[in-house]
N, C-alpha and C. Protein backbone atom coordinates (compact mmCIF):
# COMPACT_ATOMS: atom_id res chain seq x y z
N MET A 1 91.09 47.18 79.68
CA MET A 1 90.86 48.51 79.15
C MET A 1 90.38 49.45 80.26
N LEU A 2 89.47 48.94 81.10
CA LEU A 2 88.97 49.76 82.21
C LEU A 2 90.11 50.11 83.15
N ARG A 3 90.98 49.16 83.38
CA ARG A 3 92.12 49.39 84.25
C ARG A 3 93.02 50.49 83.69
N HIS A 4 93.22 50.51 82.38
CA HIS A 4 94.04 51.52 81.71
C HIS A 4 93.42 52.91 81.88
N HIS A 5 92.11 53.03 81.68
CA HIS A 5 91.42 54.32 81.83
C HIS A 5 91.46 54.80 83.28
N LEU A 6 91.30 53.89 84.20
CA LEU A 6 91.36 54.25 85.62
C LEU A 6 92.75 54.76 85.98
N PHE A 7 93.78 54.06 85.51
CA PHE A 7 95.16 54.49 85.77
C PHE A 7 95.42 55.87 85.15
N LEU A 8 94.98 56.07 83.92
CA LEU A 8 95.17 57.35 83.24
C LEU A 8 94.44 58.47 83.97
N GLY A 9 93.22 58.20 84.40
CA GLY A 9 92.44 59.21 85.14
C GLY A 9 93.10 59.59 86.45
N LEU A 10 93.58 58.61 87.19
CA LEU A 10 94.27 58.89 88.46
C LEU A 10 95.57 59.65 88.24
N THR A 11 96.28 59.32 87.18
CA THR A 11 97.53 60.03 86.87
C THR A 11 97.26 61.50 86.58
N VAL A 12 96.26 61.77 85.76
CA VAL A 12 95.89 63.15 85.43
C VAL A 12 95.47 63.90 86.69
N LEU A 13 94.69 63.27 87.54
CA LEU A 13 94.24 63.89 88.79
C LEU A 13 95.42 64.22 89.70
N LEU A 14 96.34 63.31 89.86
CA LEU A 14 97.51 63.55 90.70
C LEU A 14 98.38 64.67 90.14
N LEU A 15 98.54 64.71 88.83
CA LEU A 15 99.32 65.78 88.21
C LEU A 15 98.65 67.13 88.42
N ALA A 16 97.35 67.17 88.28
CA ALA A 16 96.62 68.44 88.46
C ALA A 16 96.74 68.93 89.89
N VAL A 17 96.60 68.05 90.85
CA VAL A 17 96.71 68.43 92.26
C VAL A 17 98.14 68.83 92.59
N GLY A 18 99.10 68.10 92.09
CA GLY A 18 100.50 68.39 92.37
C GLY A 18 100.99 69.67 91.75
N CYS A 19 100.37 70.11 90.66
CA CYS A 19 100.81 71.32 89.97
C CYS A 19 100.10 72.57 90.47
N ALA A 20 99.10 72.42 91.31
CA ALA A 20 98.37 73.59 91.80
C ALA A 20 99.29 74.42 92.69
N GLU A 21 99.31 75.73 92.43
CA GLU A 21 100.15 76.62 93.23
C GLU A 21 99.35 77.16 94.40
N ALA A 22 100.05 77.48 95.46
CA ALA A 22 99.42 78.16 96.59
C ALA A 22 99.07 79.58 96.15
N ASP A 23 98.10 80.17 96.81
CA ASP A 23 97.70 81.54 96.50
C ASP A 23 98.89 82.47 96.74
N PRO A 24 99.35 83.19 95.71
CA PRO A 24 100.53 84.04 95.89
C PRO A 24 100.23 85.36 96.59
N THR A 25 98.95 85.69 96.78
CA THR A 25 98.62 86.97 97.42
C THR A 25 98.77 86.87 98.93
N ARG A 26 98.89 88.03 99.54
CA ARG A 26 99.01 88.13 101.00
C ARG A 26 97.89 89.02 101.52
N GLN A 27 97.36 88.67 102.68
CA GLN A 27 96.33 89.51 103.29
C GLN A 27 97.02 90.70 103.95
N VAL A 28 96.55 91.89 103.58
CA VAL A 28 97.08 93.13 104.15
C VAL A 28 95.91 93.84 104.81
N GLU A 29 96.14 94.33 106.00
CA GLU A 29 95.09 95.06 106.72
C GLU A 29 95.73 96.20 107.47
N GLY A 30 94.92 97.15 107.85
CA GLY A 30 95.46 98.28 108.61
C GLY A 30 94.40 99.32 108.86
N LYS A 31 94.86 100.45 109.37
CA LYS A 31 93.94 101.56 109.63
C LYS A 31 94.45 102.79 108.91
N VAL A 32 93.53 103.71 108.66
CA VAL A 32 93.86 104.95 107.98
C VAL A 32 93.41 106.10 108.88
N THR A 33 94.35 106.98 109.22
CA THR A 33 94.02 108.13 110.05
C THR A 33 94.36 109.41 109.30
N TYR A 34 93.62 110.47 109.61
CA TYR A 34 93.89 111.80 109.08
C TYR A 34 93.85 112.77 110.26
N GLN A 35 94.92 113.49 110.45
CA GLN A 35 95.07 114.42 111.57
C GLN A 35 94.80 113.72 112.90
N GLY A 36 95.28 112.48 113.01
CA GLY A 36 95.16 111.72 114.25
C GLY A 36 93.82 111.04 114.47
N LYS A 37 92.85 111.24 113.57
CA LYS A 37 91.52 110.63 113.72
C LYS A 37 91.32 109.59 112.64
N LEU A 38 90.59 108.52 112.99
CA LEU A 38 90.30 107.47 112.01
C LEU A 38 89.48 108.04 110.86
N LEU A 39 89.87 107.70 109.64
CA LEU A 39 89.11 108.07 108.45
C LEU A 39 87.96 107.07 108.36
N GLU A 40 86.72 107.55 108.36
CA GLU A 40 85.56 106.65 108.48
C GLU A 40 84.93 106.24 107.16
N HIS A 41 85.53 106.64 106.06
CA HIS A 41 85.04 106.20 104.75
C HIS A 41 86.11 106.51 103.71
N GLY A 42 85.99 105.90 102.57
CA GLY A 42 86.93 106.18 101.49
C GLY A 42 87.42 104.92 100.81
N LEU A 43 88.41 105.12 99.96
CA LEU A 43 88.94 104.03 99.15
C LEU A 43 90.46 104.17 99.06
N LEU A 44 91.17 103.11 99.37
CA LEU A 44 92.62 103.04 99.15
C LEU A 44 92.85 102.36 97.81
N SER A 45 93.77 102.89 97.02
CA SER A 45 94.16 102.24 95.76
C SER A 45 95.65 101.96 95.81
N PHE A 46 96.01 100.70 95.59
CA PHE A 46 97.40 100.25 95.61
C PHE A 46 97.85 100.05 94.17
N PHE A 47 98.87 100.80 93.73
CA PHE A 47 99.35 100.76 92.36
C PHE A 47 100.69 100.02 92.30
N PRO A 48 100.68 98.77 91.79
CA PRO A 48 101.95 98.07 91.59
C PRO A 48 102.61 98.61 90.32
N ASP A 49 103.91 98.45 90.20
CA ASP A 49 104.62 98.93 89.02
C ASP A 49 104.18 98.15 87.78
N GLY A 50 103.62 98.86 86.81
CA GLY A 50 103.27 98.25 85.54
C GLY A 50 102.04 97.37 85.54
N ALA A 51 101.20 97.45 86.56
CA ALA A 51 99.99 96.62 86.60
C ALA A 51 98.80 97.46 87.07
N ARG A 52 97.64 96.86 87.00
CA ARG A 52 96.42 97.56 87.40
C ARG A 52 96.35 97.71 88.92
N PRO A 53 95.73 98.81 89.38
CA PRO A 53 95.63 99.00 90.83
C PRO A 53 94.65 98.02 91.47
N VAL A 54 94.83 97.83 92.77
CA VAL A 54 93.93 97.02 93.58
C VAL A 54 93.32 97.96 94.61
N ASN A 55 92.00 97.91 94.77
CA ASN A 55 91.29 98.83 95.67
C ASN A 55 90.84 98.15 96.94
N ALA A 56 90.78 98.95 98.00
CA ALA A 56 90.28 98.47 99.30
C ALA A 56 89.40 99.55 99.90
N SER A 57 88.20 99.19 100.31
CA SER A 57 87.30 100.14 100.96
C SER A 57 87.73 100.37 102.40
N ILE A 58 87.60 101.62 102.83
CA ILE A 58 87.86 101.97 104.22
C ILE A 58 86.53 101.89 104.96
N SER A 59 86.48 101.08 106.01
CA SER A 59 85.23 100.89 106.75
C SER A 59 84.99 102.05 107.71
N THR A 60 83.80 102.06 108.31
CA THR A 60 83.46 103.12 109.27
C THR A 60 84.34 103.06 110.51
N SER A 61 85.03 101.95 110.72
CA SER A 61 85.96 101.85 111.86
C SER A 61 87.36 102.31 111.48
N GLY A 62 87.52 102.83 110.24
CA GLY A 62 88.81 103.34 109.80
C GLY A 62 89.79 102.27 109.38
N THR A 63 89.30 101.06 109.15
CA THR A 63 90.17 99.95 108.79
C THR A 63 89.89 99.47 107.37
N TYR A 64 90.83 98.70 106.83
CA TYR A 64 90.68 98.11 105.50
C TYR A 64 91.31 96.72 105.51
N GLN A 65 90.93 95.91 104.53
CA GLN A 65 91.53 94.60 104.28
C GLN A 65 91.61 94.41 102.78
N VAL A 66 92.71 93.82 102.32
CA VAL A 66 92.87 93.60 100.88
C VAL A 66 93.87 92.47 100.66
N GLN A 67 93.75 91.78 99.53
CA GLN A 67 94.69 90.74 99.13
C GLN A 67 95.62 91.35 98.09
N LEU A 68 96.93 91.31 98.33
CA LEU A 68 97.92 91.90 97.42
C LEU A 68 99.05 90.93 97.16
N LEU A 69 99.63 91.03 95.98
CA LEU A 69 100.84 90.28 95.68
C LEU A 69 102.01 90.93 96.40
N PRO A 70 103.02 90.17 96.81
CA PRO A 70 104.20 90.78 97.41
C PRO A 70 104.84 91.76 96.43
N GLY A 71 105.35 92.87 96.97
CA GLY A 71 106.01 93.87 96.14
C GLY A 71 105.78 95.27 96.66
N ASP A 72 106.22 96.24 95.86
CA ASP A 72 106.12 97.65 96.23
C ASP A 72 104.93 98.30 95.51
N TYR A 73 104.28 99.21 96.22
CA TYR A 73 103.09 99.89 95.70
C TYR A 73 103.15 101.38 95.99
N GLN A 74 102.60 102.17 95.06
CA GLN A 74 102.25 103.55 95.35
C GLN A 74 100.81 103.50 95.81
N VAL A 75 100.44 104.35 96.76
CA VAL A 75 99.10 104.28 97.35
C VAL A 75 98.46 105.66 97.28
N ILE A 76 97.17 105.67 96.95
CA ILE A 76 96.39 106.90 97.03
C ILE A 76 95.15 106.65 97.89
N VAL A 77 94.59 107.73 98.42
CA VAL A 77 93.39 107.64 99.24
C VAL A 77 92.36 108.61 98.68
N ASN A 78 91.18 108.12 98.40
CA ASN A 78 90.05 108.96 98.00
C ASN A 78 89.02 108.90 99.10
N ALA A 79 88.64 110.07 99.59
CA ALA A 79 87.61 110.16 100.64
C ALA A 79 86.73 111.35 100.32
N PRO A 80 85.81 111.17 99.35
CA PRO A 80 84.94 112.29 99.00
C PRO A 80 84.08 112.68 100.20
N PRO A 81 83.66 113.95 100.24
CA PRO A 81 82.84 114.38 101.38
C PRO A 81 81.59 113.51 101.50
N LYS A 82 81.23 113.20 102.73
CA LYS A 82 80.01 112.43 102.97
C LYS A 82 78.81 113.36 102.84
N LEU A 83 77.80 112.86 102.18
CA LEU A 83 76.55 113.62 102.07
C LEU A 83 75.67 113.28 103.26
N PRO A 84 74.82 114.22 103.66
CA PRO A 84 73.91 113.93 104.78
C PRO A 84 73.04 112.71 104.47
N ASP A 85 72.64 111.99 105.51
CA ASP A 85 71.81 110.79 105.32
C ASP A 85 70.51 111.08 104.60
N ASP A 86 69.96 112.29 104.80
CA ASP A 86 68.67 112.62 104.17
C ASP A 86 68.86 113.33 102.83
N PHE A 87 70.06 113.31 102.26
CA PHE A 87 70.34 113.98 100.99
C PHE A 87 69.58 113.29 99.86
N LYS A 88 68.95 114.11 99.02
CA LYS A 88 68.22 113.59 97.85
C LYS A 88 68.78 114.25 96.60
N GLU A 89 68.67 113.54 95.49
CA GLU A 89 69.13 114.10 94.22
C GLU A 89 68.41 115.42 93.98
N GLY A 90 69.17 116.43 93.61
CA GLY A 90 68.61 117.76 93.38
C GLY A 90 68.79 118.70 94.56
N ASP A 91 69.07 118.15 95.75
CA ASP A 91 69.34 119.00 96.92
C ASP A 91 70.64 119.76 96.68
N PRO A 92 70.76 120.97 97.25
CA PRO A 92 72.03 121.68 97.12
C PRO A 92 73.13 120.94 97.88
N LEU A 93 74.34 121.01 97.35
CA LEU A 93 75.46 120.36 98.01
C LEU A 93 75.82 121.10 99.29
N PRO A 94 76.21 120.38 100.32
CA PRO A 94 76.62 121.05 101.56
C PRO A 94 77.91 121.83 101.32
N PRO A 95 78.19 122.82 102.17
CA PRO A 95 79.43 123.58 102.00
C PRO A 95 80.64 122.67 102.20
N PRO A 96 81.78 123.02 101.59
CA PRO A 96 82.98 122.18 101.74
C PRO A 96 83.39 122.05 103.21
N ASP A 97 83.83 120.87 103.56
CA ASP A 97 84.28 120.60 104.93
C ASP A 97 85.71 121.10 105.08
N PRO A 98 85.97 122.02 106.01
CA PRO A 98 87.34 122.52 106.17
C PRO A 98 88.32 121.44 106.63
N ASN A 99 87.81 120.34 107.17
CA ASN A 99 88.66 119.24 107.62
C ASN A 99 88.75 118.11 106.60
N ALA A 100 88.30 118.37 105.36
CA ALA A 100 88.30 117.33 104.33
C ALA A 100 89.74 116.92 103.98
N LEU A 101 89.88 115.70 103.53
CA LEU A 101 91.17 115.16 103.13
C LEU A 101 91.72 115.97 101.95
N PRO A 102 92.96 116.46 102.02
CA PRO A 102 93.53 117.22 100.91
C PRO A 102 93.59 116.40 99.62
N VAL A 103 93.42 117.08 98.50
CA VAL A 103 93.41 116.44 97.18
C VAL A 103 94.73 115.73 96.89
N LYS A 104 95.83 116.19 97.46
CA LYS A 104 97.13 115.58 97.16
C LYS A 104 97.15 114.08 97.44
N TYR A 105 96.36 113.62 98.40
CA TYR A 105 96.35 112.19 98.73
C TYR A 105 95.62 111.35 97.69
N SER A 106 94.89 111.99 96.78
CA SER A 106 94.13 111.25 95.77
C SER A 106 94.87 111.16 94.44
N ARG A 107 96.13 111.59 94.39
CA ARG A 107 96.90 111.57 93.15
C ARG A 107 98.22 110.82 93.36
N GLN A 108 98.54 109.95 92.42
CA GLN A 108 99.78 109.18 92.52
C GLN A 108 101.01 110.09 92.58
N GLN A 109 100.98 111.17 91.82
CA GLN A 109 102.14 112.05 91.73
C GLN A 109 102.40 112.81 93.02
N SER A 110 101.38 112.96 93.87
CA SER A 110 101.56 113.81 95.04
C SER A 110 101.23 113.16 96.38
N SER A 111 100.71 111.94 96.38
CA SER A 111 100.28 111.37 97.67
C SER A 111 101.45 111.13 98.61
N GLY A 112 102.59 110.72 98.07
CA GLY A 112 103.73 110.41 98.91
C GLY A 112 103.57 109.13 99.71
N LEU A 113 102.51 108.38 99.45
CA LEU A 113 102.23 107.15 100.20
C LEU A 113 102.75 105.94 99.44
N THR A 114 103.46 105.07 100.14
CA THR A 114 103.96 103.84 99.54
C THR A 114 103.71 102.68 100.51
N ALA A 115 103.76 101.48 99.96
CA ALA A 115 103.59 100.28 100.77
C ALA A 115 104.45 99.17 100.19
N THR A 116 104.99 98.34 101.05
CA THR A 116 105.73 97.16 100.63
C THR A 116 105.09 95.95 101.28
N VAL A 117 104.64 95.02 100.43
CA VAL A 117 104.04 93.77 100.91
C VAL A 117 105.15 92.71 100.88
N GLN A 118 105.40 92.10 102.03
CA GLN A 118 106.48 91.12 102.18
C GLN A 118 106.06 89.75 101.65
N MET A 119 107.04 88.89 101.38
CA MET A 119 106.79 87.53 100.91
C MET A 119 106.26 86.63 102.02
N GLN A 120 106.49 86.98 103.27
CA GLN A 120 106.13 86.13 104.40
C GLN A 120 104.65 85.75 104.38
N GLU A 121 104.36 84.57 104.88
CA GLU A 121 102.98 84.10 105.00
C GLU A 121 102.28 84.82 106.14
N GLY A 122 100.97 84.82 106.11
CA GLY A 122 100.18 85.40 107.20
C GLY A 122 99.84 86.86 106.95
N PRO A 123 98.88 87.37 107.71
CA PRO A 123 98.43 88.76 107.53
C PRO A 123 99.55 89.75 107.82
N GLN A 124 99.54 90.85 107.09
CA GLN A 124 100.49 91.93 107.30
C GLN A 124 99.72 93.21 107.60
N THR A 125 100.25 94.04 108.47
CA THR A 125 99.59 95.28 108.86
C THR A 125 100.33 96.47 108.25
N LEU A 126 99.60 97.28 107.50
CA LEU A 126 100.13 98.52 106.93
C LEU A 126 99.16 99.64 107.28
N ASP A 127 99.55 100.50 108.21
CA ASP A 127 98.73 101.64 108.61
C ASP A 127 99.18 102.88 107.83
N PHE A 128 98.22 103.76 107.56
CA PHE A 128 98.52 105.01 106.85
C PHE A 128 98.09 106.17 107.73
N GLU A 129 99.06 107.03 108.08
CA GLU A 129 98.80 108.20 108.91
C GLU A 129 98.94 109.44 108.03
N LEU A 130 97.81 110.04 107.69
CA LEU A 130 97.79 111.21 106.82
C LEU A 130 97.76 112.46 107.68
N LYS A 131 98.47 113.49 107.25
CA LYS A 131 98.55 114.72 108.04
C LYS A 131 97.88 115.87 107.33
């Protein structure tokens, strides 16, 4: 009886290991520039067709990293104005930055940004140059 349980347990374990799929996502990384300068903050949103978006933070070095499924994406960039380091709730807002990222990049209908993630294994680089 013990032998039967041991055999059954090993069979289930082997089936579980054999049926496990590899991670279907791909690592995507890149940089985001606006008017030739690295964007030092913000959020990229990748919209696959018919599914929820995947977000990636833009670091102070102007780079991002994200795991995405292979396929085509519409992309938007949100980069709200940075508040001064000493800003406190109730302080008046600073004047608008004339070099701020245009609103068109924050809307799917107008960003004009797309990305294609390939099936190939390994990291993929997708840079975004905003004008």
